[in-house]
């Protein structure tokens, strides 16, 4: 649904962008990568999108999906 896409779009695109930035260093998802992405998400993405705060735990699965499905 449109509501589902609205909820997933920002974290999915964040994961795709992360692949572009970190893909050469991290071929796959790992604890070091996740820690870096979590820190960035928490400092720059909370409160985005109409003031609705999305915790890392709420978006991690979608971010990871975007990262793993993106092509370098």
Protein backbone atom coordinates (compact mmCIF):
# COMPACT_ATOMS: atom_id res chain seq x y z
CA UNK A 1 0.00 0.00 0.00
CA UNK A 2 0.99 3.64 -0.26
CA UNK A 3 1.32 3.86 3.53
CA UNK A 4 3.72 0.90 3.54
CA UNK A 5 5.86 2.48 0.83
CA UNK A 6 5.89 5.82 2.65
CA UNK A 7 7.14 4.04 5.75
CA UNK A 8 9.82 2.03 3.89
CA UNK A 9 11.08 4.52 1.31
CA UNK A 10 13.47 6.56 3.46
CA UNK A 11 15.22 3.59 5.16
CA UNK A 12 15.36 1.64 1.89
CA UNK A 13 17.03 4.52 0.08
CA UNK A 14 19.38 4.97 3.04
CA UNK A 15 20.47 1.34 2.63
CA UNK A 16 21.02 1.77 -1.12
CA UNK A 17 23.08 4.91 -0.50
CA UNK A 18 25.08 3.14 2.18
CA UNK A 19 26.00 0.43 -0.32
CA UNK A 20 27.37 3.07 -2.65
CA UNK A 21 29.42 4.60 0.15
CA UNK A 22 30.55 1.49 2.04
CA UNK A 23 30.22 -1.37 -0.46
CA UNK A 24 33.91 -1.53 -1.31
CA UNK A 25 34.80 -1.91 2.37
CA UNK A 26 31.88 -4.14 3.35
CA UNK A 27 30.82 -6.66 0.73
CA UNK A 28 28.19 -7.96 3.12
CA UNK A 29 26.32 -6.76 6.16
CA UNK A 30 28.37 -7.05 9.36
CA UNK A 31 28.51 -5.65 12.90
CA UNK A 32 31.00 -2.88 12.04
CA UNK A 33 28.88 -1.64 9.14
CA UNK A 34 25.69 -1.83 11.16
CA UNK A 35 27.26 0.17 13.98
CA UNK A 36 28.32 2.94 11.58
CA UNK A 37 24.93 3.05 9.88
CA UNK A 38 23.09 3.05 13.20
CA UNK A 39 25.15 5.97 14.50
CA UNK A 40 24.51 7.95 11.32
CA UNK A 41 20.80 7.12 11.27
CA UNK A 42 20.33 8.12 14.88
CA UNK A 43 22.12 11.43 14.41
CA UNK A 44 20.58 12.48 11.11
CA UNK A 45 17.34 10.66 10.36
CA UNK A 46 15.30 10.65 13.52
CA UNK A 47 12.51 13.14 13.31
CA UNK A 48 12.70 13.24 9.52
CA UNK A 49 9.54 12.77 7.52
CA UNK A 50 6.95 14.89 9.22
CA UNK A 51 8.41 14.69 12.70
CA UNK A 52 7.80 10.97 13.10
CA UNK A 53 10.80 9.51 14.84
CA UNK A 54 11.88 6.10 13.63
CA UNK A 55 14.32 4.21 15.77
CA UNK A 56 17.13 2.17 14.28
CA UNK A 57 15.40 -1.01 15.45
CA UNK A 58 12.31 0.03 13.49
CA UNK A 59 14.21 0.56 10.22
CA UNK A 60 17.23 -1.76 10.41
CA UNK A 61 15.61 -4.61 8.46
CA UNK A 62 14.60 -2.31 5.60
CA UNK A 63 18.01 -0.56 5.56
CA UNK A 64 19.72 -3.93 5.38
CA UNK A 65 17.44 -5.04 2.56
CA UNK A 66 18.34 -1.91 0.58
CA UNK A 67 22.03 -2.44 1.24
CA UNK A 68 22.00 -6.09 0.24
CA UNK A 69 19.91 -5.62 -2.89
CA UNK A 70 21.78 -2.58 -4.22
CA UNK A 71 24.35 -3.09 -6.90
CA UNK A 72 27.67 -1.30 -6.81
